[in-house]
């Protein structure tokens, strides 16, 4: 009986020593992902002819003075 117990203990300790050890650790260097991506897109806006005419009219009414930011002084050209 004692011999069987000793044999069982010896076999158990031998098997425990053979269990693989798994270790999870973060890498020492950061992970880099190189992506070469080219994005091409085209936007098309269709408007009603009346709206297009109104937009063109408002654009023609704008003058450089109206397009300046508030508080900005008018710059005289040297011509």
N, C-alpha and C. Protein backbone atom coordinates (compact mmCIF):
# COMPACT_ATOMS: atom_id res chain seq x y z
N UNK A 1 0.81 -1.17 0.00
CA UNK A 1 0.00 0.00 0.00
C UNK A 1 0.86 1.25 0.00
N UNK A 2 1.90 1.27 0.88
CA UNK A 2 2.79 2.42 0.91
C UNK A 2 3.57 2.52 -0.40
N UNK A 3 3.92 1.38 -0.93
CA UNK A 3 4.66 1.39 -2.19
C UNK A 3 3.80 1.94 -3.32
N UNK A 4 2.53 1.61 -3.33
CA UNK A 4 1.60 2.11 -4.34
C UNK A 4 1.41 3.62 -4.21
N UNK A 5 1.36 4.09 -2.97
CA UNK A 5 1.19 5.51 -2.70
C UNK A 5 2.43 6.28 -3.14
N UNK A 6 3.59 5.75 -2.91
CA UNK A 6 4.84 6.39 -3.32
C UNK A 6 4.94 6.41 -4.84
N UNK A 7 4.55 5.32 -5.47
CA UNK A 7 4.59 5.25 -6.93
C UNK A 7 3.60 6.27 -7.53
N UNK A 8 2.42 6.37 -6.94
CA UNK A 8 1.44 7.33 -7.41
C UNK A 8 1.95 8.76 -7.24
N UNK A 9 2.58 9.04 -6.11
CA UNK A 9 3.15 10.35 -5.86
C UNK A 9 4.28 10.66 -6.85
N UNK A 10 5.11 9.70 -7.16
CA UNK A 10 6.20 9.89 -8.11
C UNK A 10 5.66 10.14 -9.52
N UNK A 11 4.66 9.40 -9.93
CA UNK A 11 4.08 9.57 -11.25
C UNK A 11 3.39 10.94 -11.34
N UNK A 12 2.69 11.34 -10.29
CA UNK A 12 1.99 12.62 -10.28
C UNK A 12 2.98 13.79 -10.38
N UNK A 13 4.05 13.76 -9.62
CA UNK A 13 5.03 14.85 -9.68
C UNK A 13 5.74 14.87 -11.03
N UNK A 14 5.94 13.73 -11.63
CA UNK A 14 6.57 13.69 -12.95
C UNK A 14 5.64 14.29 -14.00
N UNK A 15 4.35 14.00 -13.94
CA UNK A 15 3.39 14.54 -14.89
C UNK A 15 3.18 16.04 -14.70
N UNK A 16 3.22 16.50 -13.48
CA UNK A 16 3.05 17.93 -13.22
C UNK A 16 4.23 18.69 -13.82
N UNK A 17 5.39 18.17 -13.81
CA UNK A 17 6.56 18.81 -14.39
C UNK A 17 6.50 18.87 -15.90
N UNK A 18 5.67 18.06 -16.55
CA UNK A 18 5.58 18.03 -18.00
C UNK A 18 4.45 18.90 -18.56
N UNK A 19 3.69 19.55 -17.67
CA UNK A 19 2.60 20.39 -18.15
C UNK A 19 3.20 21.62 -18.83
N UNK A 20 2.76 21.92 -20.08
CA UNK A 20 3.32 23.09 -20.77
C UNK A 20 2.89 24.39 -20.09
N UNK A 21 3.78 25.34 -20.08
CA UNK A 21 3.52 26.63 -19.45
C UNK A 21 3.19 27.64 -20.56
N UNK A 22 2.04 28.28 -20.43
CA UNK A 22 1.61 29.26 -21.42
C UNK A 22 1.72 30.64 -20.78
N UNK A 23 2.38 31.55 -21.49
CA UNK A 23 2.57 32.90 -20.97
C UNK A 23 2.09 33.90 -22.01
N UNK A 24 1.28 34.84 -21.57
CA UNK A 24 0.78 35.89 -22.45
C UNK A 24 1.42 37.19 -22.00
N UNK A 25 2.12 37.84 -22.93
CA UNK A 25 2.79 39.10 -22.59
C UNK A 25 2.65 40.06 -23.76
N UNK A 26 2.64 41.33 -23.45
CA UNK A 26 2.57 42.36 -24.48
C UNK A 26 3.92 42.48 -25.17
N UNK A 27 3.93 42.80 -26.47
CA UNK A 27 5.21 42.95 -27.16
C UNK A 27 5.97 44.18 -26.65
N UNK A 28 7.28 44.15 -26.77
CA UNK A 28 8.11 45.26 -26.29
C UNK A 28 8.03 46.46 -27.24
N UNK A 29 7.80 46.22 -28.52
CA UNK A 29 7.68 47.30 -29.49
C UNK A 29 6.22 47.43 -29.90
N UNK A 30 5.78 48.65 -30.21
CA UNK A 30 4.37 48.81 -30.61
C UNK A 30 4.10 48.13 -31.94
N UNK A 31 2.87 47.74 -32.12
CA UNK A 31 2.46 47.11 -33.37
C UNK A 31 2.21 48.20 -34.41
N UNK A 32 2.82 48.07 -35.57
CA UNK A 32 2.63 49.05 -36.63
C UNK A 32 1.93 48.37 -37.80
N UNK A 33 0.98 49.10 -38.36
CA UNK A 33 0.25 48.59 -39.53
C UNK A 33 0.46 49.59 -40.65
N UNK A 34 1.11 49.17 -41.71
CA UNK A 34 1.34 50.03 -42.86
C UNK A 34 0.23 49.80 -43.88
N UNK A 35 -0.52 50.86 -44.12
CA UNK A 35 -1.62 50.75 -45.08
C UNK A 35 -1.42 51.79 -46.17
N UNK A 36 -1.30 51.34 -47.37
CA UNK A 36 -1.23 52.24 -48.51
C UNK A 36 -2.61 52.26 -49.15
N UNK A 37 -3.37 53.30 -48.83
CA UNK A 37 -4.74 53.40 -49.29
C UNK A 37 -4.91 54.67 -50.09
N UNK A 38 -5.52 54.53 -51.24
CA UNK A 38 -5.80 55.69 -52.07
C UNK A 38 -7.31 55.78 -52.22
N UNK A 39 -7.87 56.91 -51.81
CA UNK A 39 -9.30 57.10 -51.87
C UNK A 39 -9.61 58.16 -52.91
N UNK A 40 -10.36 57.79 -53.90
CA UNK A 40 -10.82 58.72 -54.93
C UNK A 40 -12.33 58.77 -54.87
N UNK A 41 -12.86 59.97 -54.85
CA UNK A 41 -14.31 60.09 -54.88
C UNK A 41 -14.69 61.34 -55.66
N UNK A 42 -15.86 61.28 -56.19
CA UNK A 42 -16.38 62.37 -57.00
C UNK A 42 -17.78 62.68 -56.50
N UNK A 43 -18.04 63.96 -56.27
CA UNK A 43 -19.35 64.37 -55.76
C UNK A 43 -20.04 65.18 -56.85
N UNK A 44 -21.22 64.79 -57.18
CA UNK A 44 -22.01 65.48 -58.20
C UNK A 44 -23.30 65.98 -57.54
N UNK A 45 -23.55 67.27 -57.69
CA UNK A 45 -24.76 67.86 -57.14
C UNK A 45 -25.62 68.36 -58.29
N UNK A 46 -26.84 67.92 -58.31
CA UNK A 46 -27.78 68.38 -59.33
C UNK A 46 -28.78 69.30 -58.64
N UNK A 47 -28.99 70.47 -59.24
CA UNK A 47 -29.93 71.42 -58.67
C UNK A 47 -30.96 71.82 -59.72
N UNK A 48 -32.05 72.32 -59.24
CA UNK A 48 -33.11 72.82 -60.09
C UNK A 48 -32.57 74.02 -60.87
N UNK A 49 -32.96 74.23 -62.13
CA UNK A 49 -32.44 75.37 -62.90
C UNK A 49 -32.68 76.71 -62.21
N UNK A 50 -33.81 76.86 -61.50
CA UNK A 50 -34.07 78.11 -60.78
C UNK A 50 -33.04 78.33 -59.66
N UNK A 51 -32.69 77.26 -58.98
CA UNK A 51 -31.70 77.35 -57.90
C UNK A 51 -30.33 77.69 -58.47
N UNK A 52 -29.96 77.06 -59.58
CA UNK A 52 -28.67 77.37 -60.21
C UNK A 52 -28.60 78.83 -60.63
N UNK A 53 -29.69 79.35 -61.18
CA UNK A 53 -29.73 80.76 -61.59
C UNK A 53 -29.59 81.67 -60.37
N UNK A 54 -30.24 81.34 -59.26
CA UNK A 54 -30.15 82.12 -58.04
C UNK A 54 -28.73 82.11 -57.47
N UNK A 55 -28.08 80.96 -57.49
CA UNK A 55 -26.70 80.85 -56.99
C UNK A 55 -25.77 81.70 -57.84
N UNK A 56 -25.89 81.63 -59.16
CA UNK A 56 -25.04 82.43 -60.04
C UNK A 56 -25.28 83.92 -59.83
N UNK A 57 -26.54 84.31 -59.61
CA UNK A 57 -26.87 85.72 -59.37
C UNK A 57 -26.24 86.21 -58.07
N UNK A 58 -26.32 85.41 -57.01
CA UNK A 58 -25.75 85.81 -55.72
C UNK A 58 -24.22 85.85 -55.78
N UNK A 59 -23.61 84.95 -56.54
CA UNK A 59 -22.16 84.98 -56.67
C UNK A 59 -21.70 86.21 -57.43
N UNK A 60 -22.45 86.64 -58.41
CA UNK A 60 -22.07 87.82 -59.18
C UNK A 60 -22.25 89.10 -58.35
N UNK A 61 -23.16 89.07 -57.37
CA UNK A 61 -23.39 90.24 -56.51
C UNK A 61 -22.29 90.43 -55.47
N UNK A 62 -21.57 89.38 -55.16
CA UNK A 62 -20.52 89.48 -54.12
C UNK A 62 -19.36 90.30 -54.65
N UNK A 63 -18.89 91.18 -53.80
CA UNK A 63 -17.71 91.99 -54.13
C UNK A 63 -16.61 91.61 -53.16
N UNK A 64 -15.36 91.93 -53.47
CA UNK A 64 -14.27 91.59 -52.55
C UNK A 64 -14.45 92.19 -51.16
N UNK A 65 -15.09 93.38 -51.05
CA UNK A 65 -15.29 93.99 -49.74
C UNK A 65 -16.26 93.15 -48.90
N UNK A 66 -17.28 92.59 -49.54
CA UNK A 66 -18.25 91.79 -48.80
C UNK A 66 -17.66 90.44 -48.39
N UNK A 67 -16.65 89.99 -49.11
CA UNK A 67 -16.07 88.68 -48.84
C UNK A 67 -15.00 88.74 -47.76
N UNK A 68 -14.61 89.94 -47.28
CA UNK A 68 -13.59 90.05 -46.25
C UNK A 68 -14.17 89.64 -44.90
N UNK A 69 -13.28 89.15 -44.05
CA UNK A 69 -13.69 88.77 -42.71
C UNK A 69 -13.97 90.02 -41.89
N UNK A 70 -14.84 89.95 -40.90
CA UNK A 70 -15.13 91.12 -40.06
C UNK A 70 -13.86 91.61 -39.35
N UNK A 71 -13.68 92.93 -39.33
CA UNK A 71 -12.51 93.51 -38.66
C UNK A 71 -11.28 93.57 -39.54
N UNK A 72 -11.35 93.02 -40.74
CA UNK A 72 -10.19 93.02 -41.64
C UNK A 72 -10.23 94.30 -42.47
N UNK A 73 -9.08 94.98 -42.57
CA UNK A 73 -9.03 96.23 -43.32
C UNK A 73 -8.88 95.95 -44.80
N UNK A 74 -9.35 96.86 -45.61
CA UNK A 74 -9.28 96.71 -47.05
C UNK A 74 -7.86 96.95 -47.52
N UNK A 75 -7.36 96.09 -48.37
CA UNK A 75 -5.99 96.18 -48.89
C UNK A 75 -6.05 96.84 -50.25
N UNK A 76 -5.31 97.93 -50.40
CA UNK A 76 -5.25 98.66 -51.68
C UNK A 76 -4.21 98.02 -52.56
N UNK A 77 -4.50 97.86 -53.84
CA UNK A 77 -3.51 97.30 -54.75
C UNK A 77 -2.61 98.42 -55.25
N UNK A 78 -1.39 98.10 -55.64
CA UNK A 78 -0.38 99.09 -56.06
C UNK A 78 -0.49 99.39 -57.54
N UNK A 79 -1.50 98.95 -58.24
CA UNK A 79 -1.63 99.19 -59.70
C UNK A 79 -1.94 100.60 -59.98
